């Protein structure tokens, strides 16, 4: 199962530190900065919906992460 996590990182002029931490979360294949409403996008991979949920919760626990939205490939 693949998904994209759209991520807002609070209070940083450069979200690079948060992106580096997000990249280390198990289930994150890559993370990169973007322009617009969100500061970063992460490509996620998981065996099932429950594992995907665990990955998203770990991303939300990263210091500086304010909000996420997840787009799941059907």
Protein backbone atom coordinates (compact mmCIF):
# COMPACT_ATOMS: atom_id res chain seq x y z
CA UNK A 1 0.00 0.00 0.00
CA UNK A 2 1.31 3.45 -0.95
CA UNK A 3 0.29 6.87 0.30
CA UNK A 4 1.36 10.50 0.31
CA UNK A 5 1.46 12.47 3.55
CA UNK A 6 1.04 16.22 3.18
CA UNK A 7 2.78 17.84 6.14
CA UNK A 8 2.76 21.25 7.81
CA UNK A 9 5.77 22.08 9.93
CA UNK A 10 5.26 24.89 12.44
CA UNK A 11 7.42 27.86 13.17
CA UNK A 12 10.43 27.15 10.99
CA UNK A 13 11.70 29.33 8.19
CA UNK A 14 13.22 26.18 6.71
CA UNK A 15 11.47 22.86 7.28
CA UNK A 16 14.64 20.89 6.49
CA UNK A 17 15.23 19.70 10.08
CA UNK A 18 11.70 18.32 10.29
CA UNK A 19 11.98 16.72 6.86
CA UNK A 20 15.21 14.97 7.88
CA UNK A 21 13.50 13.55 10.99
CA UNK A 22 10.46 12.47 8.97
CA UNK A 23 12.73 10.71 6.45
CA UNK A 24 14.01 8.46 9.24
CA UNK A 25 10.54 7.19 10.22
CA UNK A 26 10.00 3.55 9.31
CA UNK A 27 7.62 3.36 6.34
CA UNK A 28 8.74 6.68 4.83
CA UNK A 29 10.38 6.08 1.44
CA UNK A 30 11.24 9.74 0.87
CA UNK A 31 10.30 13.20 2.10
CA UNK A 32 10.86 16.53 0.42
CA UNK A 33 9.91 20.21 0.78
CA UNK A 34 7.11 21.81 -1.25
CA UNK A 35 5.61 25.27 -1.71
CA UNK A 36 2.01 26.11 -0.85
CA UNK A 37 -0.29 25.15 2.03
CA UNK A 38 2.05 22.37 3.11
CA UNK A 39 5.76 22.43 3.87
CA UNK A 40 6.61 18.84 2.97
CA UNK A 41 5.36 15.70 1.26
CA UNK A 42 6.34 12.18 2.27
CA UNK A 43 5.92 9.04 0.18
CA UNK A 44 4.79 6.21 2.48
CA UNK A 45 4.74 2.45 2.03
CA UNK A 46 2.98 -0.04 4.32
CA UNK A 47 1.72 -3.62 4.29
CA UNK A 48 -1.81 -2.62 5.30
CA UNK A 49 -3.95 0.24 6.57
CA UNK A 50 -3.05 -0.38 10.22
CA UNK A 51 0.71 -0.15 9.48
CA UNK A 52 0.08 2.99 7.44
CA UNK A 53 -1.76 4.52 10.39
CA UNK A 54 1.21 3.71 12.65
CA UNK A 55 3.57 5.45 10.22
CA UNK A 56 1.38 8.57 10.08
CA UNK A 57 1.18 8.69 13.89
CA UNK A 58 4.98 8.50 14.07
CA UNK A 59 5.25 11.38 11.59
CA UNK A 60 2.81 13.42 13.70
CA UNK A 61 5.03 12.77 16.73
CA UNK A 62 8.06 14.37 15.04
CA UNK A 63 8.95 17.66 16.70
CA UNK A 64 7.61 20.59 14.70
CA UNK A 65 4.94 18.69 12.77
CA UNK A 66 1.75 20.70 13.09
CA UNK A 67 -0.67 18.88 10.78
CA UNK A 68 -0.83 16.06 8.25
CA UNK A 69 -3.23 14.94 5.57
CA UNK A 70 -2.84 11.50 4.00
CA UNK A 71 -3.72 10.53 0.45
CA UNK A 72 -4.01 6.74 0.07
CA UNK A 73 -3.55 4.96 -3.23
CA UNK A 74 -6.55 2.69 -3.81
